[in-house]
Amino acid sequence: GEGEAVSELRRSIIQYVDSWRATVNLA
């Protein structure tokens, strides 16, 4: 019953991962 909480958790991690990857690509 916590689908929204789990989705939000996944999104926050994916955003962090994508942000780090963008930093590496810029470097």
mmCIF file of all heavy atoms, coordinates in Angstrom:
data_MODEL
# 
_entry.id   MODEL 
# 
loop_
_atom_site.group_PDB 
_atom_site.id 
_atom_site.type_symbol 
_atom_site.label_atom_id 
_atom_site.label_alt_id 
_atom_site.label_comp_id 
_atom_site.label_asym_id 
_atom_site.label_entity_id 
_atom_site.label_seq_id 
_atom_site.pdbx_PDB_ins_code 
_atom_site.Cartn_x 
_atom_site.Cartn_y 
_atom_site.Cartn_z 
_atom_site.occupancy 
_atom_site.B_iso_or_equiv 
_atom_site.pdbx_formal_charge 
_atom_site.auth_seq_id 
_atom_site.auth_comp_id 
_atom_site.auth_asym_id 
_atom_site.auth_atom_id 
_atom_site.pdbx_PDB_model_num 
ATOM 1   N N   . GLY A 1 1  ? 0.797  -1.226 0.000   1.00 0.00 ? 1  GLY A N   1 
ATOM 2   C CA  . GLY A 1 1  ? 0.000  0.000  0.000   1.00 0.00 ? 1  GLY A CA  1 
ATOM 3   C C   . GLY A 1 1  ? 0.820  1.262  0.000   1.00 0.00 ? 1  GLY A C   1 
ATOM 4   O O   . GLY A 1 1  ? 0.280  2.361  0.126   1.00 0.00 ? 1  GLY A O   1 
ATOM 5   N N   . GLU A 1 2  ? 2.132  1.124  -0.121  1.00 0.00 ? 2  GLU A N   1 
ATOM 6   C CA  . GLU A 1 2  ? 3.019  2.288  -0.077  1.00 0.00 ? 2  GLU A CA  1 
ATOM 7   C C   . GLU A 1 2  ? 3.626  2.576  -1.449  1.00 0.00 ? 2  GLU A C   1 
ATOM 8   O O   . GLU A 1 2  ? 4.764  3.021  -1.549  1.00 0.00 ? 2  GLU A O   1 
ATOM 9   C CB  . GLU A 1 2  ? 4.145  2.047  0.946   1.00 0.00 ? 2  GLU A CB  1 
ATOM 10  C CG  . GLU A 1 2  ? 3.680  1.923  2.377   1.00 0.00 ? 2  GLU A CG  1 
ATOM 11  C CD  . GLU A 1 2  ? 3.398  3.277  3.000   1.00 0.00 ? 2  GLU A CD  1 
ATOM 12  O OE1 . GLU A 1 2  ? 3.611  4.308  2.323   1.00 0.00 ? 2  GLU A OE1 1 
ATOM 13  O OE2 . GLU A 1 2  ? 2.947  3.306  4.157   1.00 0.00 ? 2  GLU A OE2 1 
ATOM 14  N N   . GLY A 1 3  ? 2.868  2.349  -2.495  1.00 0.00 ? 3  GLY A N   1 
ATOM 15  C CA  . GLY A 1 3  ? 3.387  2.520  -3.851  1.00 0.00 ? 3  GLY A CA  1 
ATOM 16  C C   . GLY A 1 3  ? 3.918  3.906  -4.124  1.00 0.00 ? 3  GLY A C   1 
ATOM 17  O O   . GLY A 1 3  ? 4.974  4.076  -4.740  1.00 0.00 ? 3  GLY A O   1 
ATOM 18  N N   . GLU A 1 4  ? 3.200  4.937  -3.643  1.00 0.00 ? 4  GLU A N   1 
ATOM 19  C CA  . GLU A 1 4  ? 3.634  6.317  -3.891  1.00 0.00 ? 4  GLU A CA  1 
ATOM 20  C C   . GLU A 1 4  ? 4.943  6.610  -3.160  1.00 0.00 ? 4  GLU A C   1 
ATOM 21  O O   . GLU A 1 4  ? 5.842  7.250  -3.720  1.00 0.00 ? 4  GLU A O   1 
ATOM 22  C CB  . GLU A 1 4  ? 2.549  7.284  -3.430  1.00 0.00 ? 4  GLU A CB  1 
ATOM 23  C CG  . GLU A 1 4  ? 2.870  8.741  -3.753  1.00 0.00 ? 4  GLU A CG  1 
ATOM 24  C CD  . GLU A 1 4  ? 1.716  9.672  -3.409  1.00 0.00 ? 4  GLU A CD  1 
ATOM 25  O OE1 . GLU A 1 4  ? 0.580  9.174  -3.261  1.00 0.00 ? 4  GLU A OE1 1 
ATOM 26  O OE2 . GLU A 1 4  ? 1.971  10.892 -3.281  1.00 0.00 ? 4  GLU A OE2 1 
ATOM 27  N N   . ALA A 1 5  ? 5.074  6.119  -1.935  1.00 0.00 ? 5  ALA A N   1 
ATOM 28  C CA  . ALA A 1 5  ? 6.300  6.350  -1.167  1.00 0.00 ? 5  ALA A CA  1 
ATOM 29  C C   . ALA A 1 5  ? 7.488  5.652  -1.818  1.00 0.00 ? 5  ALA A C   1 
ATOM 30  O O   . ALA A 1 5  ? 8.586  6.212  -1.889  1.00 0.00 ? 5  ALA A O   1 
ATOM 31  C CB  . ALA A 1 5  ? 6.123  5.839  0.266   1.00 0.00 ? 5  ALA A CB  1 
ATOM 32  N N   . VAL A 1 6  ? 7.258  4.440  -2.318  1.00 0.00 ? 6  VAL A N   1 
ATOM 33  C CA  . VAL A 1 6  ? 8.331  3.693  -2.975  1.00 0.00 ? 6  VAL A CA  1 
ATOM 34  C C   . VAL A 1 6  ? 8.740  4.382  -4.274  1.00 0.00 ? 6  VAL A C   1 
ATOM 35  O O   . VAL A 1 6  ? 9.934  4.512  -4.577  1.00 0.00 ? 6  VAL A O   1 
ATOM 36  C CB  . VAL A 1 6  ? 7.899  2.240  -3.246  1.00 0.00 ? 6  VAL A CB  1 
ATOM 37  C CG1 . VAL A 1 6  ? 8.960  1.508  -4.065  1.00 0.00 ? 6  VAL A CG1 1 
ATOM 38  C CG2 . VAL A 1 6  ? 7.653  1.495  -1.939  1.00 0.00 ? 6  VAL A CG2 1 
ATOM 39  N N   . SER A 1 7  ? 7.759  4.855  -5.043  1.00 0.00 ? 7  SER A N   1 
ATOM 40  C CA  . SER A 1 7  ? 8.061  5.560  -6.298  1.00 0.00 ? 7  SER A CA  1 
ATOM 41  C C   . SER A 1 7  ? 8.854  6.829  -6.042  1.00 0.00 ? 7  SER A C   1 
ATOM 42  O O   . SER A 1 7  ? 9.802  7.144  -6.772  1.00 0.00 ? 7  SER A O   1 
ATOM 43  C CB  . SER A 1 7  ? 6.759  5.896  -7.036  1.00 0.00 ? 7  SER A CB  1 
ATOM 44  O OG  . SER A 1 7  ? 6.075  4.717  -7.427  1.00 0.00 ? 7  SER A OG  1 
ATOM 45  N N   . GLU A 1 8  ? 8.480  7.557  -4.993  1.00 0.00 ? 8  GLU A N   1 
ATOM 46  C CA  . GLU A 1 8  ? 9.203  8.786  -4.651  1.00 0.00 ? 8  GLU A CA  1 
ATOM 47  C C   . GLU A 1 8  ? 10.639 8.474  -4.246  1.00 0.00 ? 8  GLU A C   1 
ATOM 48  O O   . GLU A 1 8  ? 11.582 9.180  -4.611  1.00 0.00 ? 8  GLU A O   1 
ATOM 49  C CB  . GLU A 1 8  ? 8.491  9.501  -3.522  1.00 0.00 ? 8  GLU A CB  1 
ATOM 50  C CG  . GLU A 1 8  ? 9.135  10.826 -3.129  1.00 0.00 ? 8  GLU A CG  1 
ATOM 51  C CD  . GLU A 1 8  ? 8.396  11.510 -1.994  1.00 0.00 ? 8  GLU A CD  1 
ATOM 52  O OE1 . GLU A 1 8  ? 7.265  11.090 -1.684  1.00 0.00 ? 8  GLU A OE1 1 
ATOM 53  O OE2 . GLU A 1 8  ? 8.957  12.461 -1.436  1.00 0.00 ? 8  GLU A OE2 1 
ATOM 54  N N   . LEU A 1 9  ? 10.811 7.375  -3.513  1.00 0.00 ? 9  LEU A N   1 
ATOM 55  C CA  . LEU A 1 9  ? 12.141 6.945  -3.101  1.00 0.00 ? 9  LEU A CA  1 
ATOM 56  C C   . LEU A 1 9  ? 13.006 6.614  -4.310  1.00 0.00 ? 9  LEU A C   1 
ATOM 57  O O   . LEU A 1 9  ? 14.156 7.046  -4.415  1.00 0.00 ? 9  LEU A O   1 
ATOM 58  C CB  . LEU A 1 9  ? 12.008 5.720  -2.192  1.00 0.00 ? 9  LEU A CB  1 
ATOM 59  C CG  . LEU A 1 9  ? 13.272 5.150  -1.552  1.00 0.00 ? 9  LEU A CG  1 
ATOM 60  C CD1 . LEU A 1 9  ? 13.942 6.200  -0.686  1.00 0.00 ? 9  LEU A CD1 1 
ATOM 61  C CD2 . LEU A 1 9  ? 12.915 3.923  -0.718  1.00 0.00 ? 9  LEU A CD2 1 
ATOM 62  N N   . ARG A 1 10 ? 12.443 5.875  -5.249  1.00 0.00 ? 10 ARG A N   1 
ATOM 63  C CA  . ARG A 1 10 ? 13.193 5.518  -6.458  1.00 0.00 ? 10 ARG A CA  1 
ATOM 64  C C   . ARG A 1 10 ? 13.560 6.765  -7.258  1.00 0.00 ? 10 ARG A C   1 
ATOM 65  O O   . ARG A 1 10 ? 14.667 6.883  -7.763  1.00 0.00 ? 10 ARG A O   1 
ATOM 66  C CB  . ARG A 1 10 ? 12.384 4.561  -7.343  1.00 0.00 ? 10 ARG A CB  1 
ATOM 67  C CG  . ARG A 1 10 ? 12.197 3.177  -6.773  1.00 0.00 ? 10 ARG A CG  1 
ATOM 68  C CD  . ARG A 1 10 ? 11.370 2.297  -7.703  1.00 0.00 ? 10 ARG A CD  1 
ATOM 69  N NE  . ARG A 1 10 ? 12.234 1.547  -8.610  1.00 0.00 ? 10 ARG A NE  1 
ATOM 70  C CZ  . ARG A 1 10 ? 12.513 1.888  -9.842  1.00 0.00 ? 10 ARG A CZ  1 
ATOM 71  N NH1 . ARG A 1 10 ? 12.005 2.996  -10.364 1.00 0.00 ? 10 ARG A NH1 1 
ATOM 72  N NH2 . ARG A 1 10 ? 13.298 1.139  -10.599 1.00 0.00 ? 10 ARG A NH2 1 
ATOM 73  N N   . ARG A 1 11 ? 12.603 7.683  -7.390  1.00 0.00 ? 11 ARG A N   1 
ATOM 74  C CA  . ARG A 1 11 ? 12.839 8.896  -8.179  1.00 0.00 ? 11 ARG A CA  1 
ATOM 75  C C   . ARG A 1 11 ? 13.978 9.718  -7.600  1.00 0.00 ? 11 ARG A C   1 
ATOM 76  O O   . ARG A 1 11 ? 14.826 10.237 -8.331  1.00 0.00 ? 11 ARG A O   1 
ATOM 77  C CB  . ARG A 1 11 ? 11.568 9.751  -8.256  1.00 0.00 ? 11 ARG A CB  1 
ATOM 78  C CG  . ARG A 1 11 ? 10.568 9.320  -9.297  1.00 0.00 ? 11 ARG A CG  1 
ATOM 79  C CD  . ARG A 1 11 ? 9.551  10.416 -9.589  1.00 0.00 ? 11 ARG A CD  1 
ATOM 80  N NE  . ARG A 1 11 ? 8.841  10.828 -8.378  1.00 0.00 ? 11 ARG A NE  1 
ATOM 81  C CZ  . ARG A 1 11 ? 7.723  10.271 -7.935  1.00 0.00 ? 11 ARG A CZ  1 
ATOM 82  N NH1 . ARG A 1 11 ? 7.203  9.251  -8.605  1.00 0.00 ? 11 ARG A NH1 1 
ATOM 83  N NH2 . ARG A 1 11 ? 7.128  10.702 -6.846  1.00 0.00 ? 11 ARG A NH2 1 
ATOM 84  N N   . SER A 1 12 ? 14.013 9.854  -6.286  1.00 0.00 ? 12 SER A N   1 
ATOM 85  C CA  . SER A 1 12 ? 15.051 10.686 -5.671  1.00 0.00 ? 12 SER A CA  1 
ATOM 86  C C   . SER A 1 12 ? 16.436 10.087 -5.914  1.00 0.00 ? 12 SER A C   1 
ATOM 87  O O   . SER A 1 12 ? 17.398 10.810 -6.177  1.00 0.00 ? 12 SER A O   1 
ATOM 88  C CB  . SER A 1 12 ? 14.797 10.826 -4.173  1.00 0.00 ? 12 SER A CB  1 
ATOM 89  O OG  . SER A 1 12 ? 14.933 9.584  -3.506  1.00 0.00 ? 12 SER A OG  1 
ATOM 90  N N   . ILE A 1 13 ? 16.538 8.768  -5.856  1.00 0.00 ? 13 ILE A N   1 
ATOM 91  C CA  . ILE A 1 13 ? 17.827 8.111  -6.091  1.00 0.00 ? 13 ILE A CA  1 
ATOM 92  C C   . ILE A 1 13 ? 18.232 8.245  -7.554  1.00 0.00 ? 13 ILE A C   1 
ATOM 93  O O   . ILE A 1 13 ? 19.389 8.547  -7.872  1.00 0.00 ? 13 ILE A O   1 
ATOM 94  C CB  . ILE A 1 13 ? 17.764 6.630  -5.678  1.00 0.00 ? 13 ILE A CB  1 
ATOM 95  C CG1 . ILE A 1 13 ? 17.463 6.520  -4.185  1.00 0.00 ? 13 ILE A CG1 1 
ATOM 96  C CG2 . ILE A 1 13 ? 19.078 5.917  -6.002  1.00 0.00 ? 13 ILE A CG2 1 
ATOM 97  C CD1 . ILE A 1 13 ? 17.051 5.136  -3.752  1.00 0.00 ? 13 ILE A CD1 1 
ATOM 98  N N   . ILE A 1 14 ? 17.283 8.039  -8.457  1.00 0.00 ? 14 ILE A N   1 
ATOM 99  C CA  . ILE A 1 14 ? 17.580 8.146  -9.887  1.00 0.00 ? 14 ILE A CA  1 
ATOM 100 C C   . ILE A 1 14 ? 18.024 9.562  -10.235 1.00 0.00 ? 14 ILE A C   1 
ATOM 101 O O   . ILE A 1 14 ? 18.953 9.764  -11.026 1.00 0.00 ? 14 ILE A O   1 
ATOM 102 C CB  . ILE A 1 14 ? 16.354 7.722  -10.717 1.00 0.00 ? 14 ILE A CB  1 
ATOM 103 C CG1 . ILE A 1 14 ? 16.143 6.201  -10.587 1.00 0.00 ? 14 ILE A CG1 1 
ATOM 104 C CG2 . ILE A 1 14 ? 16.534 8.102  -12.193 1.00 0.00 ? 14 ILE A CG2 1 
ATOM 105 C CD1 . ILE A 1 14 ? 14.846 5.701  -11.203 1.00 0.00 ? 14 ILE A CD1 1 
ATOM 106 N N   . GLN A 1 15 ? 17.377 10.568 -9.634  1.00 0.00 ? 15 GLN A N   1 
ATOM 107 C CA  . GLN A 1 15 ? 17.777 11.952 -9.887  1.00 0.00 ? 15 GLN A CA  1 
ATOM 108 C C   . GLN A 1 15 ? 19.211 12.197 -9.424  1.00 0.00 ? 15 GLN A C   1 
ATOM 109 O O   . GLN A 1 15 ? 19.992 12.877 -10.104 1.00 0.00 ? 15 GLN A O   1 
ATOM 110 C CB  . GLN A 1 15 ? 16.819 12.912 -9.174  1.00 0.00 ? 15 GLN A CB  1 
ATOM 111 C CG  . GLN A 1 15 ? 15.450 13.008 -9.831  1.00 0.00 ? 15 GLN A CG  1 
ATOM 112 C CD  . GLN A 1 15 ? 14.469 13.818 -9.015  1.00 0.00 ? 15 GLN A CD  1 
ATOM 113 O OE1 . GLN A 1 15 ? 14.796 14.308 -7.935  1.00 0.00 ? 15 GLN A OE1 1 
ATOM 114 N NE2 . GLN A 1 15 ? 13.257 13.938 -9.510  1.00 0.00 ? 15 GLN A NE2 1 
ATOM 115 N N   . TYR A 1 16 ? 19.565 11.635 -8.279  1.00 0.00 ? 16 TYR A N   1 
ATOM 116 C CA  . TYR A 1 16 ? 20.935 11.786 -7.774  1.00 0.00 ? 16 TYR A CA  1 
ATOM 117 C C   . TYR A 1 16 ? 21.925 11.120 -8.721  1.00 0.00 ? 16 TYR A C   1 
ATOM 118 O O   . TYR A 1 16 ? 22.964 11.697 -9.057  1.00 0.00 ? 16 TYR A O   1 
ATOM 119 C CB  . TYR A 1 16 ? 21.037 11.163 -6.381  1.00 0.00 ? 16 TYR A CB  1 
ATOM 120 C CG  . TYR A 1 16 ? 22.377 11.378 -5.708  1.00 0.00 ? 16 TYR A CG  1 
ATOM 121 C CD1 . TYR A 1 16 ? 22.556 12.400 -4.788  1.00 0.00 ? 16 TYR A CD1 1 
ATOM 122 C CD2 . TYR A 1 16 ? 23.464 10.569 -5.990  1.00 0.00 ? 16 TYR A CD2 1 
ATOM 123 C CE1 . TYR A 1 16 ? 23.771 12.615 -4.167  1.00 0.00 ? 16 TYR A CE1 1 
ATOM 124 C CE2 . TYR A 1 16 ? 24.693 10.764 -5.377  1.00 0.00 ? 16 TYR A CE2 1 
ATOM 125 C CZ  . TYR A 1 16 ? 24.839 11.788 -4.464  1.00 0.00 ? 16 TYR A CZ  1 
ATOM 126 O OH  . TYR A 1 16 ? 26.052 11.987 -3.864  1.00 0.00 ? 16 TYR A OH  1 
ATOM 127 N N   . VAL A 1 17 ? 21.599 9.905  -9.155  1.00 0.00 ? 17 VAL A N   1 
ATOM 128 C CA  . VAL A 1 17 ? 22.476 9.174  -10.075 1.00 0.00 ? 17 VAL A CA  1 
ATOM 129 C C   . VAL A 1 17 ? 22.653 9.950  -11.374 1.00 0.00 ? 17 VAL A C   1 
ATOM 130 O O   . VAL A 1 17 ? 23.774 10.117 -11.875 1.00 0.00 ? 17 VAL A O   1 
ATOM 131 C CB  . VAL A 1 17 ? 21.907 7.773  -10.367 1.00 0.00 ? 17 VAL A CB  1 
ATOM 132 C CG1 . VAL A 1 17 ? 22.741 7.067  -11.432 1.00 0.00 ? 17 VAL A CG1 1 
ATOM 133 C CG2 . VAL A 1 17 ? 21.867 6.924  -9.098  1.00 0.00 ? 17 VAL A CG2 1 
ATOM 134 N N   . ASP A 1 18 ? 21.553 10.426 -11.931 1.00 0.00 ? 18 ASP A N   1 
ATOM 135 C CA  . ASP A 1 18 ? 21.616 11.170 -13.196 1.00 0.00 ? 18 ASP A CA  1 
ATOM 136 C C   . ASP A 1 18 ? 22.413 12.461 -13.033 1.00 0.00 ? 18 ASP A C   1 
ATOM 137 O O   . ASP A 1 18 ? 23.137 12.885 -13.949 1.00 0.00 ? 18 ASP A O   1 
ATOM 138 C CB  . ASP A 1 18 ? 20.203 11.484 -13.700 1.00 0.00 ? 18 ASP A CB  1 
ATOM 139 C CG  . ASP A 1 18 ? 19.487 10.248 -14.225 1.00 0.00 ? 18 ASP A CG  1 
ATOM 140 O OD1 . ASP A 1 18 ? 20.170 9.224  -14.466 1.00 0.00 ? 18 ASP A OD1 1 
ATOM 141 O OD2 . ASP A 1 18 ? 18.254 10.303 -14.383 1.00 0.00 ? 18 ASP A OD2 1 
ATOM 142 N N   . SER A 1 19 ? 22.276 13.103 -11.879 1.00 0.00 ? 19 SER A N   1 
ATOM 143 C CA  . SER A 1 19 ? 23.012 14.340 -11.632 1.00 0.00 ? 19 SER A CA  1 
ATOM 144 C C   . SER A 1 19 ? 24.519 14.075 -11.574 1.00 0.00 ? 19 SER A C   1 
ATOM 145 O O   . SER A 1 19 ? 25.312 14.838 -12.132 1.00 0.00 ? 19 SER A O   1 
ATOM 146 C CB  . SER A 1 19 ? 22.536 14.977 -10.318 1.00 0.00 ? 19 SER A CB  1 
ATOM 147 O OG  . SER A 1 19 ? 23.262 16.149 -10.042 1.00 0.00 ? 19 SER A OG  1 
ATOM 148 N N   . TRP A 1 20 ? 24.913 12.985 -10.907 1.00 0.00 ? 20 TRP A N   1 
ATOM 149 C CA  . TRP A 1 20 ? 26.342 12.661 -10.848 1.00 0.00 ? 20 TRP A CA  1 
ATOM 150 C C   . TRP A 1 20 ? 26.874 12.318 -12.242 1.00 0.00 ? 20 TRP A C   1 
ATOM 151 O O   . TRP A 1 20 ? 27.952 12.739 -12.630 1.00 0.00 ? 20 TRP A O   1 
ATOM 152 C CB  . TRP A 1 20 ? 26.602 11.505 -9.886  1.00 0.00 ? 20 TRP A CB  1 
ATOM 153 C CG  . TRP A 1 20 ? 28.074 11.292 -9.684  1.00 0.00 ? 20 TRP A CG  1 
ATOM 154 C CD1 . TRP A 1 20 ? 28.882 10.423 -10.371 1.00 0.00 ? 20 TRP A CD1 1 
ATOM 155 C CD2 . TRP A 1 20 ? 28.927 12.011 -8.799  1.00 0.00 ? 20 TRP A CD2 1 
ATOM 156 N NE1 . TRP A 1 20 ? 30.186 10.543 -9.953  1.00 0.00 ? 20 TRP A NE1 1 
ATOM 157 C CE2 . TRP A 1 20 ? 30.241 11.509 -8.991  1.00 0.00 ? 20 TRP A CE2 1 
ATOM 158 C CE3 . TRP A 1 20 ? 28.716 13.009 -7.854  1.00 0.00 ? 20 TRP A CE3 1 
ATOM 159 C CZ2 . TRP A 1 20 ? 31.328 11.993 -8.262  1.00 0.00 ? 20 TRP A CZ2 1 
ATOM 160 C CZ3 . TRP A 1 20 ? 29.792 13.491 -7.133  1.00 0.00 ? 20 TRP A CZ3 1 
ATOM 161 C CH2 . TRP A 1 20 ? 31.084 12.984 -7.349  1.00 0.00 ? 20 TRP A CH2 1 
ATOM 162 N N   . ARG A 1 21 ? 26.092 11.577 -12.996 1.00 0.00 ? 21 ARG A N   1 
ATOM 163 C CA  . ARG A 1 21 ? 26.518 11.223 -14.353 1.00 0.00 ? 21 ARG A CA  1 
ATOM 164 C C   . ARG A 1 21 ? 26.689 12.470 -15.218 1.00 0.00 ? 21 ARG A C   1 
ATOM 165 O O   . ARG A 1 21 ? 27.639 12.567 -16.005 1.00 0.00 ? 21 ARG A O   1 
ATOM 166 C CB  . ARG A 1 21 ? 25.499 10.270 -14.986 1.00 0.00 ? 21 ARG A CB  1 
ATOM 167 C CG  . ARG A 1 21 ? 25.873 9.824  -16.401 1.00 0.00 ? 21 ARG A CG  1 
ATOM 168 C CD  . ARG A 1 21 ? 25.060 8.635  -16.837 1.00 0.00 ? 21 ARG A CD  1 
ATOM 169 N NE  . ARG A 1 21 ? 23.634 8.810  -16.625 1.00 0.00 ? 21 ARG A NE  1 
ATOM 170 C CZ  . ARG A 1 21 ? 22.731 7.880  -16.901 1.00 0.00 ? 21 ARG A CZ  1 
ATOM 171 N NH1 . ARG A 1 21 ? 23.112 6.716  -17.386 1.00 0.00 ? 21 ARG A NH1 1 
ATOM 172 N NH2 . ARG A 1 21 ? 21.451 8.098  -16.687 1.00 0.00 ? 21 ARG A NH2 1 
ATOM 173 N N   . ALA A 1 22 ? 25.789 13.446 -15.067 1.00 0.00 ? 22 ALA A N   1 
ATOM 174 C CA  . ALA A 1 22 ? 25.908 14.694 -15.827 1.00 0.00 ? 22 ALA A CA  1 
ATOM 175 C C   . ALA A 1 22 ? 27.182 15.450 -15.444 1.00 0.00 ? 22 ALA A C   1 
ATOM 176 O O   . ALA A 1 22 ? 27.849 16.043 -16.301 1.00 0.00 ? 22 ALA A O   1 
ATOM 177 C CB  . ALA A 1 22 ? 24.681 15.565 -15.579 1.00 0.00 ? 22 ALA A CB  1 
ATOM 178 N N   . THR A 1 23 ? 27.552 15.408 -14.156 1.00 0.00 ? 23 THR A N   1 
ATOM 179 C CA  . THR A 1 23 ? 28.785 16.054 -13.705 1.00 0.00 ? 23 THR A CA  1 
ATOM 180 C C   . THR A 1 23 ? 29.998 15.410 -14.352 1.00 0.00 ? 23 THR A C   1 
ATOM 181 O O   . THR A 1 23 ? 30.907 16.100 -14.834 1.00 0.00 ? 23 THR A O   1 
ATOM 182 C CB  . THR A 1 23 ? 28.906 15.970 -12.170 1.00 0.00 ? 23 THR A CB  1 
ATOM 183 O OG1 . THR A 1 23 ? 27.763 16.594 -11.575 1.00 0.00 ? 23 THR A OG1 1 
ATOM 184 C CG2 . THR A 1 23 ? 30.168 16.661 -11.678 1.00 0.00 ? 23 THR A CG2 1 
ATOM 185 N N   . VAL A 1 24 ? 30.010 14.085 -14.370 1.00 0.00 ? 24 VAL A N   1 
ATOM 186 C CA  . VAL A 1 24 ? 31.126 13.357 -14.973 1.00 0.00 ? 24 VAL A CA  1 
ATOM 187 C C   . VAL A 1 24 ? 31.202 13.636 -16.476 1.00 0.00 ? 24 VAL A C   1 
ATOM 188 O O   . VAL A 1 24 ? 32.288 13.831 -17.033 1.00 0.00 ? 24 VAL A O   1 
ATOM 189 C CB  . VAL A 1 24 ? 30.989 11.843 -14.702 1.00 0.00 ? 24 VAL A CB  1 
ATOM 190 C CG1 . VAL A 1 24 ? 32.055 11.056 -15.462 1.00 0.00 ? 24 VAL A CG1 1 
ATOM 191 C CG2 . VAL A 1 24 ? 31.105 11.563 -13.203 1.00 0.00 ? 24 VAL A CG2 1 
ATOM 192 N N   . ASN A 1 25 ? 30.058 13.678 -17.134 1.00 0.00 ? 25 ASN A N   1 
ATOM 193 C CA  . ASN A 1 25 ? 30.041 13.955 -18.573 1.00 0.00 ? 25 ASN A CA  1 
ATOM 194 C C   . ASN A 1 25 ? 30.577 15.357 -18.866 1.00 0.00 ? 25 ASN A C   1 
ATOM 195 O O   . ASN A 1 25 ? 31.312 15.565 -19.845 1.00 0.00 ? 25 ASN A O   1 
ATOM 196 C CB  . ASN A 1 25 ? 28.622 13.824 -19.126 1.00 0.00 ? 25 ASN A CB  1 
ATOM 197 C CG  . ASN A 1 25 ? 28.155 12.381 -19.178 1.00 0.00 ? 25 ASN A CG  1 
ATOM 198 O OD1 . ASN A 1 25 ? 28.962 11.457 -19.125 1.00 0.00 ? 25 ASN A OD1 1 
ATOM 199 N ND2 . ASN A 1 25 ? 26.857 12.175 -19.288 1.00 0.00 ? 25 ASN A ND2 1 
ATOM 200 N N   . LEU A 1 26 ? 30.231 16.311 -18.016 1.00 0.00 ? 26 LEU A N   1 
ATOM 201 C CA  . LEU A 1 26 ? 30.722 17.682 -18.212 1.00 0.00 ? 26 LEU A CA  1 
ATOM 202 C C   . LEU A 1 26 ? 32.233 17.739 -17.999 1.00 0.00 ? 26 LEU A C   1 
ATOM 203 O O   . LEU A 1 26 ? 32.953 18.414 -18.750 1.00 0.00 ? 26 LEU A O   1 
ATOM 204 C CB  . LEU A 1 26 ? 30.006 18.634 -17.250 1.00 0.00 ? 26 LEU A CB  1 
ATOM 205 C CG  . LEU A 1 26 ? 30.292 20.124 -17.439 1.00 0.00 ? 26 LEU A CG  1 
ATOM 206 C CD1 . LEU A 1 26 ? 29.894 20.581 -18.844 1.00 0.00 ? 26 LEU A CD1 1 
ATOM 207 C CD2 . LEU A 1 26 ? 29.525 20.939 -16.385 1.00 0.00 ? 26 LEU A CD2 1 
ATOM 208 N N   . ALA A 1 27 ? 32.732 17.036 -16.990 1.00 0.00 ? 27 ALA A N   1 
ATOM 209 C CA  . ALA A 1 27 ? 34.178 16.986 -16.755 1.00 0.00 ? 27 ALA A CA  1 
ATOM 210 C C   . ALA A 1 27 ? 34.899 16.356 -17.944 1.00 0.00 ? 27 ALA A C   1 
ATOM 211 O O   . ALA A 1 27 ? 35.995 16.785 -18.321 1.00 0.00 ? 27 ALA A O   1 
ATOM 212 C CB  . ALA A 1 27 ? 34.475 16.200 -15.483 1.00 0.00 ? 27 ALA A CB  1 
# 
